[in-house]
Amino acid sequence: MNAGQTCLSVERCYVHRSLYDNFVTRCVEKTQQLRVRGKEDGEYEVGPMIHEQQTNIVEKQVHEAVSAGAKIECGGRAHG
């Protein structure tokens, strides 16, 4: 659903600093459980981006975030 076909994905979460570490830990745990597959595979939660252009946009956003001090907790690269 959020692989480019719809515009419903969350781009930001504002989290109080007292909850931040636990929030990140839980998000990473949940994200690592997601099954990422190509469109030919059967059971998965995250499929491919719908257009290469969207993949490029997301890769640029990740690069800019890291350049500004963000830390990649899991993933961080497109699946080939």
PDB file of N, CA and C in Angstrom:
ATOM      1  N   MET A   1       0.815  -1.195   0.000  1.00  0.00           N
ATOM      2  CA  MET A   1       0.000   0.000   0.000  1.00  0.00           C
ATOM      3  C   MET A   1       0.856   1.255   0.000  1.00  0.00           C
ATOM      4  N   ASN A   2       1.966   1.251   0.734  1.00  0.00           N
ATOM      5  CA  ASN A   2       2.790   2.448   0.818  1.00  0.00           C
ATOM      6  C   ASN A   2       4.091   2.300   0.036  1.00  0.00           C
ATOM      7  N   ALA A   3       4.011   1.647  -1.100  1.00  0.00           N
ATOM      8  CA  ALA A   3       5.187   1.483  -1.953  1.00  0.00           C
ATOM      9  C   ALA A   3       5.064   2.369  -3.186  1.00  0.00           C
ATOM     10  N   GLY A   4       4.316   3.444  -3.080  1.00  0.00           N
ATOM     11  CA  GLY A   4       4.194   4.391  -4.163  1.00  0.00           C
ATOM     12  C   GLY A   4       2.819   4.447  -4.803  1.00  0.00           C
ATOM     13  N   GLN A   5       1.970   3.466  -4.530  1.00  0.00           N
ATOM     14  CA  GLN A   5       0.654   3.438  -5.149  1.00  0.00           C
ATOM     15  C   GLN A   5      -0.309   4.419  -4.490  1.00  0.00           C
ATOM     16  N   THR A   6      -0.115   4.706  -3.219  1.00  0.00           N
ATOM     17  CA  THR A   6      -0.996   5.607  -2.490  1.00  0.00           C
ATOM     18  C   THR A   6      -0.169   6.650  -1.760  1.00  0.00           C
ATOM     19  N   CYS A   7      -0.784   7.746  -1.427  1.00  0.00           N
ATOM     20  CA  CYS A   7      -0.086   8.818  -0.707  1.00  0.00           C
ATOM     21  C   CYS A   7      -0.532   8.837   0.752  1.00  0.00           C
ATOM     22  N   LEU A   8      -0.353   7.741   1.443  1.00  0.00           N
ATOM     23  CA  LEU A   8      -0.803   7.635   2.823  1.00  0.00           C
ATOM     24  C   LEU A   8       0.313   7.307   3.802  1.00  0.00           C
ATOM     25  N   SER A   9       1.535   7.237   3.346  1.00  0.00           N
ATOM     26  CA  SER A   9       2.609   6.836   4.253  1.00  0.00           C
ATOM     27  C   SER A   9       2.966   7.974   5.203  1.00  0.00           C
ATOM     28  N   VAL A  10       3.446   7.600   6.377  1.00  0.00           N
ATOM     29  CA  VAL A  10       3.865   8.573   7.384  1.00  0.00           C
ATOM     30  C   VAL A  10       5.257   9.061   7.018  1.00  0.00           C
ATOM     31  N   GLU A  11       5.439  10.357   7.005  1.00  0.00           N
ATOM     32  CA  GLU A  11       6.754  10.927   6.710  1.00  0.00           C
ATOM     33  C   GLU A  11       7.480  11.379   7.967  1.00  0.00           C
ATOM     34  N   ARG A  12       6.737  11.708   9.019  1.00  0.00           N
ATOM     35  CA  ARG A  12       7.347  12.169  10.259  1.00  0.00           C
ATOM     36  C   ARG A  12       6.547  11.686  11.455  1.00  0.00           C
ATOM     37  N   CYS A  13       7.261  11.458  12.532  1.00  0.00           N
ATOM     38  CA  CYS A  13       6.622  11.197  13.824  1.00  0.00           C
ATOM     39  C   CYS A  13       7.273  12.141  14.824  1.00  0.00           C
ATOM     40  N   TYR A  14       6.476  12.847  15.552  1.00  0.00           N
ATOM     41  CA  TYR A  14       6.986  13.701  16.621  1.00  0.00           C
ATOM     42  C   TYR A  14       6.811  12.934  17.927  1.00  0.00           C
ATOM     43  N   VAL A  15       7.926  12.683  18.610  1.00  0.00           N
ATOM     44  CA  VAL A  15       7.915  11.848  19.798  1.00  0.00           C
ATOM     45  C   VAL A  15       8.599  12.614  20.938  1.00  0.00           C
ATOM     46  N   HIS A  16       7.954  12.651  22.078  1.00  0.00           N
ATOM     47  CA  HIS A  16       8.552  13.317  23.243  1.00  0.00           C
ATOM     48  C   HIS A  16       9.864  12.629  23.594  1.00  0.00           C
ATOM     49  N   ARG A  17      10.837  13.410  23.969  1.00  0.00           N
ATOM     50  CA  ARG A  17      12.178  12.867  24.242  1.00  0.00           C
ATOM     51  C   ARG A  17      12.167  11.763  25.294  1.00  0.00           C
ATOM     52  N   SER A  18      11.231  11.797  26.241  1.00  0.00           N
ATOM     53  CA  SER A  18      11.186  10.750  27.266  1.00  0.00           C
ATOM     54  C   SER A  18      10.743   9.405  26.690  1.00  0.00           C
ATOM     55  N   LEU A  19      10.116   9.415  25.524  1.00  0.00           N
ATOM     56  CA  LEU A  19       9.644   8.193  24.876  1.00  0.00           C
ATOM     57  C   LEU A  19      10.501   7.788  23.681  1.00  0.00           C
ATOM     58  N   TYR A  20      11.424   8.653  23.291  1.00  0.00           N
ATOM     59  CA  TYR A  20      12.150   8.497  22.032  1.00  0.00           C
ATOM     60  C   TYR A  20      12.891   7.161  21.910  1.00  0.00           C
ATOM     61  N   ASP A  21      13.733   6.822  22.871  1.00  0.00           N
ATOM     62  CA  ASP A  21      14.542   5.601  22.756  1.00  0.00           C
ATOM     63  C   ASP A  21      13.665   4.359  22.620  1.00  0.00           C
ATOM     64  N   ASN A  22      12.625   4.263  23.426  1.00  0.00           N
ATOM     65  CA  ASN A  22      11.724   3.121  23.345  1.00  0.00           C
ATOM     66  C   ASN A  22      10.979   3.125  22.003  1.00  0.00           C
ATOM     67  N   PHE A  23      10.562   4.289  21.551  1.00  0.00           N
ATOM     68  CA  PHE A  23       9.863   4.407  20.276  1.00  0.00           C
ATOM     69  C   PHE A  23      10.741   3.895  19.133  1.00  0.00           C
ATOM     70  N   VAL A  24      12.000   4.336  19.087  1.00  0.00           N
ATOM     71  CA  VAL A  24      12.920   3.905  18.028  1.00  0.00           C
ATOM     72  C   VAL A  24      13.149   2.403  18.107  1.00  0.00           C
ATOM     73  N   THR A  25      13.383   1.893  19.291  1.00  0.00           N
ATOM     74  CA  THR A  25      13.600   0.452  19.461  1.00  0.00           C
ATOM     75  C   THR A  25      12.421  -0.344  18.935  1.00  0.00           C
ATOM     76  N   ARG A  26      11.210   0.044  19.296  1.00  0.00           N
ATOM     77  CA  ARG A  26      10.008  -0.670  18.853  1.00  0.00           C
ATOM     78  C   ARG A  26       9.800  -0.546  17.347  1.00  0.00           C
ATOM     79  N   CYS A  27      10.062   0.631  16.791  1.00  0.00           N
ATOM     80  CA  CYS A  27       9.921   0.813  15.333  1.00  0.00           C
ATOM     81  C   CYS A  27      10.908  -0.061  14.572  1.00  0.00           C
ATOM     82  N   VAL A  28      12.143  -0.116  15.042  1.00  0.00           N
ATOM     83  CA  VAL A  28      13.153  -0.949  14.393  1.00  0.00           C
ATOM     84  C   VAL A  28      12.749  -2.416  14.478  1.00  0.00           C
ATOM     85  N   GLU A  29      12.287  -2.861  15.637  1.00  0.00           N
ATOM     86  CA  GLU A  29      11.853  -4.255  15.792  1.00  0.00           C
ATOM     87  C   GLU A  29      10.739  -4.584  14.807  1.00  0.00           C
ATOM     88  N   LYS A  30       9.738  -3.723  14.721  1.00  0.00           N
ATOM     89  CA  LYS A  30       8.607  -3.957  13.811  1.00  0.00           C
ATOM     90  C   LYS A  30       9.061  -3.922  12.356  1.00  0.00           C
ATOM     91  N   THR A  31       9.915  -2.981  12.011  1.00  0.00           N
ATOM     92  CA  THR A  31      10.394  -2.853  10.633  1.00  0.00           C
ATOM     93  C   THR A  31      11.198  -4.076  10.214  1.00  0.00           C
ATOM     94  N   GLN A  32      12.019  -4.599  11.105  1.00  0.00           N
ATOM     95  CA  GLN A  32      12.817  -5.769  10.787  1.00  0.00           C
ATOM     96  C   GLN A  32      11.973  -7.022  10.589  1.00  0.00           C
ATOM     97  N   GLN A  33      10.747  -7.018  11.079  1.00  0.00           N
ATOM     98  CA  GLN A  33       9.841  -8.152  10.899  1.00  0.00           C
ATOM     99  C   GLN A  33       9.100  -8.108   9.560  1.00  0.00           C
ATOM    100  N   LEU A  34       9.119  -6.972   8.889  1.00  0.00           N
ATOM    101  CA  LEU A  34       8.419  -6.856   7.606  1.00  0.00           C
ATOM    102  C   LEU A  34       9.075  -7.741   6.560  1.00  0.00           C
ATOM    103  N   ARG A  35       8.251  -8.397   5.784  1.00  0.00           N
ATOM    104  CA  ARG A  35       8.753  -9.223   4.688  1.00  0.00           C
ATOM    105  C   ARG A  35       8.723  -8.390   3.413  1.00  0.00           C
ATOM    106  N   VAL A  36       9.897  -8.205   2.812  1.00  0.00           N
ATOM    107  CA  VAL A  36      10.040  -7.395   1.599  1.00  0.00           C
ATOM    108  C   VAL A  36      10.302  -8.327   0.434  1.00  0.00           C
ATOM    109  N   ARG A  37       9.477  -8.222  -0.589  1.00  0.00           N
ATOM    110  CA  ARG A  37       9.599  -9.114  -1.739  1.00  0.00           C
ATOM    111  C   ARG A  37       9.315  -8.367  -3.033  1.00  0.00           C
ATOM    112  N   GLY A  38       9.649  -9.020  -4.133  1.00  0.00           N
ATOM    113  CA  GLY A  38       9.290  -8.527  -5.452  1.00  0.00           C
ATOM    114  C   GLY A  38       7.863  -8.894  -5.782  1.00  0.00           C
ATOM    115  N   LYS A  39       7.339  -8.331  -6.850  1.00  0.00           N
ATOM    116  CA  LYS A  39       5.933  -8.539  -7.197  1.00  0.00           C
ATOM    117  C   LYS A  39       5.602  -9.975  -7.574  1.00  0.00           C
ATOM    118  N   GLU A  40       6.604 -10.803  -7.888  1.00  0.00           N
ATOM    119  CA  GLU A  40       6.345 -12.197  -8.265  1.00  0.00           C
ATOM    120  C   GLU A  40       6.194 -13.113  -7.051  1.00  0.00           C
ATOM    121  N   ASP A  41       6.594 -12.636  -5.869  1.00  0.00           N
ATOM    122  CA  ASP A  41       6.515 -13.450  -4.667  1.00  0.00           C
ATOM    123  C   ASP A  41       5.131 -13.347  -4.041  1.00  0.00           C
ATOM    124  N   GLY A  42       4.807 -14.284  -3.177  1.00  0.00           N
ATOM    125  CA  GLY A  42       3.468 -14.358  -2.608  1.00  0.00           C
ATOM    126  C   GLY A  42       3.231 -13.585  -1.329  1.00  0.00           C
ATOM    127  N   GLU A  43       3.831 -14.009  -0.232  1.00  0.00           N
ATOM    128  CA  GLU A  43       3.520 -13.450   1.074  1.00  0.00           C
ATOM    129  C   GLU A  43       4.532 -12.378   1.479  1.00  0.00           C
ATOM    130  N   TYR A  44       4.059 -11.151   1.551  1.00  0.00           N
ATOM    131  CA  TYR A  44       4.922 -10.054   1.974  1.00  0.00           C
ATOM    132  C   TYR A  44       4.078  -8.868   2.398  1.00  0.00           C
ATOM    133  N   GLU A  45       4.681  -7.970   3.160  1.00  0.00           N
ATOM    134  CA  GLU A  45       4.007  -6.749   3.591  1.00  0.00           C
ATOM    135  C   GLU A  45       4.447  -5.535   2.777  1.00  0.00           C
ATOM    136  N   VAL A  46       5.664  -5.575   2.250  1.00  0.00           N
ATOM    137  CA  VAL A  46       6.198  -4.439   1.507  1.00  0.00           C
ATOM    138  C   VAL A  46       6.643  -4.922   0.134  1.00  0.00           C
ATOM    139  N   GLY A  47       6.079  -4.349  -0.894  1.00  0.00           N
ATOM    140  CA  GLY A  47       6.447  -4.695  -2.263  1.00  0.00           C
ATOM    141  C   GLY A  47       7.343  -3.629  -2.866  1.00  0.00           C
ATOM    142  N   PRO A  48       7.622  -3.753  -4.146  1.00  0.00           N
ATOM    143  CA  PRO A  48       8.508  -2.802  -4.807  1.00  0.00           C
ATOM    144  C   PRO A  48       7.843  -1.442  -4.979  1.00  0.00           C
ATOM    145  N   MET A  49       8.663  -0.399  -5.094  1.00  0.00           N
ATOM    146  CA  MET A  49       8.146   0.925  -5.456  1.00  0.00           C
ATOM    147  C   MET A  49       7.512   0.811  -6.837  1.00  0.00           C
ATOM    148  N   ILE A  50       6.526   1.620  -7.095  1.00  0.00           N
ATOM    149  CA  ILE A  50       5.789   1.518  -8.343  1.00  0.00           C
ATOM    150  C   ILE A  50       6.577   2.088  -9.528  1.00  0.00           C
ATOM    151  N   HIS A  51       7.451   3.070  -9.264  1.00  0.00           N
ATOM    152  CA  HIS A  51       8.256   3.684 -10.326  1.00  0.00           C
ATOM    153  C   HIS A  51       9.694   3.859  -9.842  1.00  0.00           C
ATOM    154  N   GLU A  52      10.637   3.724 -10.756  1.00  0.00           N
ATOM    155  CA  GLU A  52      12.042   3.953 -10.413  1.00  0.00           C
ATOM    156  C   GLU A  52      12.251   5.385  -9.935  1.00  0.00           C
ATOM    157  N   GLN A  53      11.493   6.321 -10.483  1.00  0.00           N
ATOM    158  CA  GLN A  53      11.607   7.719 -10.074  1.00  0.00           C
ATOM    159  C   GLN A  53      11.318   7.876  -8.579  1.00  0.00           C
ATOM    160  N   GLN A  54      10.320   7.155  -8.074  1.00  0.00           N
ATOM    161  CA  GLN A  54       9.995   7.231  -6.647  1.00  0.00           C
ATOM    162  C   GLN A  54      11.107   6.621  -5.805  1.00  0.00           C
ATOM    163  N   THR A  55      11.708   5.538  -6.275  1.00  0.00           N
ATOM    164  CA  THR A  55      12.849   4.954  -5.572  1.00  0.00           C
ATOM    165  C   THR A  55      13.972   5.974  -5.465  1.00  0.00           C
ATOM    166  N   ASN A  56      14.243   6.685  -6.557  1.00  0.00           N
ATOM    167  CA  ASN A  56      15.297   7.708  -6.561  1.00  0.00           C
ATOM    168  C   ASN A  56      14.995   8.827  -5.574  1.00  0.00           C
ATOM    169  N   ILE A  57      13.726   9.229  -5.495  1.00  0.00           N
ATOM    170  CA  ILE A  57      13.325  10.281  -4.551  1.00  0.00           C
ATOM    171  C   ILE A  57      13.585   9.829  -3.120  1.00  0.00           C
ATOM    172  N   VAL A  58      13.183   8.613  -2.796  1.00  0.00           N
ATOM    173  CA  VAL A  58      13.363   8.105  -1.430  1.00  0.00           C
ATOM    174  C   VAL A  58      14.854   7.953  -1.113  1.00  0.00           C
ATOM    175  N   GLU A  59      15.639   7.450  -2.047  1.00  0.00           N
ATOM    176  CA  GLU A  59      17.084   7.320  -1.817  1.00  0.00           C
ATOM    177  C   GLU A  59      17.710   8.692  -1.562  1.00  0.00           C
ATOM    178  N   LYS A  60      17.281   9.703  -2.291  1.00  0.00           N
ATOM    179  CA  LYS A  60      17.788  11.063  -2.092  1.00  0.00           C
ATOM    180  C   LYS A  60      17.397  11.573  -0.706  1.00  0.00           C
ATOM    181  N   GLN A  61      16.166  11.316  -0.286  1.00  0.00           N
ATOM    182  CA  GLN A  61      15.717  11.738   1.039  1.00  0.00           C
ATOM    183  C   GLN A  61      16.545  11.077   2.137  1.00  0.00           C
ATOM    184  N   VAL A  62      16.835   9.792   1.989  1.00  0.00           N
ATOM    185  CA  VAL A  62      17.655   9.084   2.979  1.00  0.00           C
ATOM    186  C   VAL A  62      19.055   9.686   3.021  1.00  0.00           C
ATOM    187  N   HIS A  63      19.646   9.912   1.855  1.00  0.00           N
ATOM    188  CA  HIS A  63      20.990  10.499   1.796  1.00  0.00           C
ATOM    189  C   HIS A  63      21.015  11.878   2.456  1.00  0.00           C
ATOM    190  N   GLU A  64      20.026  12.705   2.163  1.00  0.00           N
ATOM    191  CA  GLU A  64      19.966  14.043   2.756  1.00  0.00           C
ATOM    192  C   GLU A  64      19.803  13.977   4.269  1.00  0.00           C
ATOM    193  N   ALA A  65      18.984  13.043   4.741  1.00  0.00           N
ATOM    194  CA  ALA A  65      18.777  12.900   6.184  1.00  0.00           C
ATOM    195  C   ALA A  65      20.070  12.490   6.879  1.00  0.00           C
ATOM    196  N   VAL A  66      20.777  11.520   6.295  1.00  0.00           N
ATOM    197  CA  VAL A  66      22.052  11.070   6.879  1.00  0.00           C
ATOM    198  C   VAL A  66      23.071  12.211   6.857  1.00  0.00           C
ATOM    199  N   SER A  67      23.109  12.963   5.780  1.00  0.00           N
ATOM    200  CA  SER A  67      24.027  14.101   5.685  1.00  0.00           C
ATOM    201  C   SER A  67      23.735  15.157   6.743  1.00  0.00           C
ATOM    202  N   ALA A  68      22.463  15.235   7.168  1.00  0.00           N
ATOM    203  CA  ALA A  68      22.060  16.213   8.171  1.00  0.00           C
ATOM    204  C   ALA A  68      22.160  15.660   9.594  1.00  0.00           C
ATOM    205  N   GLY A  69      22.678  14.418   9.729  1.00  0.00           N
ATOM    206  CA  GLY A  69      22.899  13.861  11.057  1.00  0.00           C
ATOM    207  C   GLY A  69      22.014  12.693  11.450  1.00  0.00           C
ATOM    208  N   ALA A  70      21.112  12.282  10.568  1.00  0.00           N
ATOM    209  CA  ALA A  70      20.248  11.138  10.893  1.00  0.00           C
ATOM    210  C   ALA A  70      21.073   9.854  10.949  1.00  0.00           C
ATOM    211  N   LYS A  71      20.581   8.907  11.724  1.00  0.00           N
ATOM    212  CA  LYS A  71      21.228   7.603  11.858  1.00  0.00           C
ATOM    213  C   LYS A  71      20.313   6.540  11.264  1.00  0.00           C
ATOM    214  N   ILE A  72      20.846   5.711  10.379  1.00  0.00           N
ATOM    215  CA  ILE A  72      20.070   4.616   9.807  1.00  0.00           C
ATOM    216  C   ILE A  72      20.047   3.476  10.819  1.00  0.00           C
ATOM    217  N   GLU A  73      18.863   3.094  11.250  1.00  0.00           N
ATOM    218  CA  GLU A  73      18.708   2.046  12.252  1.00  0.00           C
ATOM    219  C   GLU A  73      18.521   0.667  11.621  1.00  0.00           C
ATOM    220  N   CYS A  74      17.959   0.606  10.420  1.00  0.00           N
ATOM    221  CA  CYS A  74      17.815  -0.652   9.697  1.00  0.00           C
ATOM    222  C   CYS A  74      17.556  -0.319   8.232  1.00  0.00           C
ATOM    223  N   GLY A  75      17.914  -1.238   7.353  1.00  0.00           N
ATOM    224  CA  GLY A  75      17.713  -0.984   5.923  1.00  0.00           C
ATOM    225  C   GLY A  75      18.660   0.084   5.423  1.00  0.00           C
ATOM    226  N   GLY A  76      18.100   1.077   4.748  1.00  0.00           N
ATOM    227  CA  GLY A  76      18.907   2.191   4.283  1.00  0.00           C
ATOM    228  C   GLY A  76      19.324   2.080   2.829  1.00  0.00           C
ATOM    229  N   ARG A  77      18.903   1.012   2.166  1.00  0.00           N
ATOM    230  CA  ARG A  77      19.231   0.865   0.753  1.00  0.00           C
ATOM    231  C   ARG A  77      18.074   0.163   0.051  1.00  0.00           C
ATOM    232  N   ALA A  78      17.969   0.426  -1.231  1.00  0.00           N
ATOM    233  CA  ALA A  78      16.899  -0.208  -2.029  1.00  0.00           C
ATOM    234  C   ALA A  78      17.215  -1.674  -2.242  1.00  0.00           C
ATOM    235  N   HIS A  79      16.181  -2.497  -2.270  1.00  0.00           N
ATOM    236  CA  HIS A  79      16.357  -3.906  -2.603  1.00  0.00           C
ATOM    237  C   HIS A  79      16.462  -4.034  -4.112  1.00  0.00           C
ATOM    238  N   GLY A  80      17.415  -4.828  -4.571  1.00  0.00           N
ATOM    239  CA  GLY A  80      17.619  -4.979  -6.004  1.00  0.00           C
ATOM    240  C   GLY A  80      16.841  -6.048  -6.542  1.00  0.00           C
TER     241      GLY A  80
END
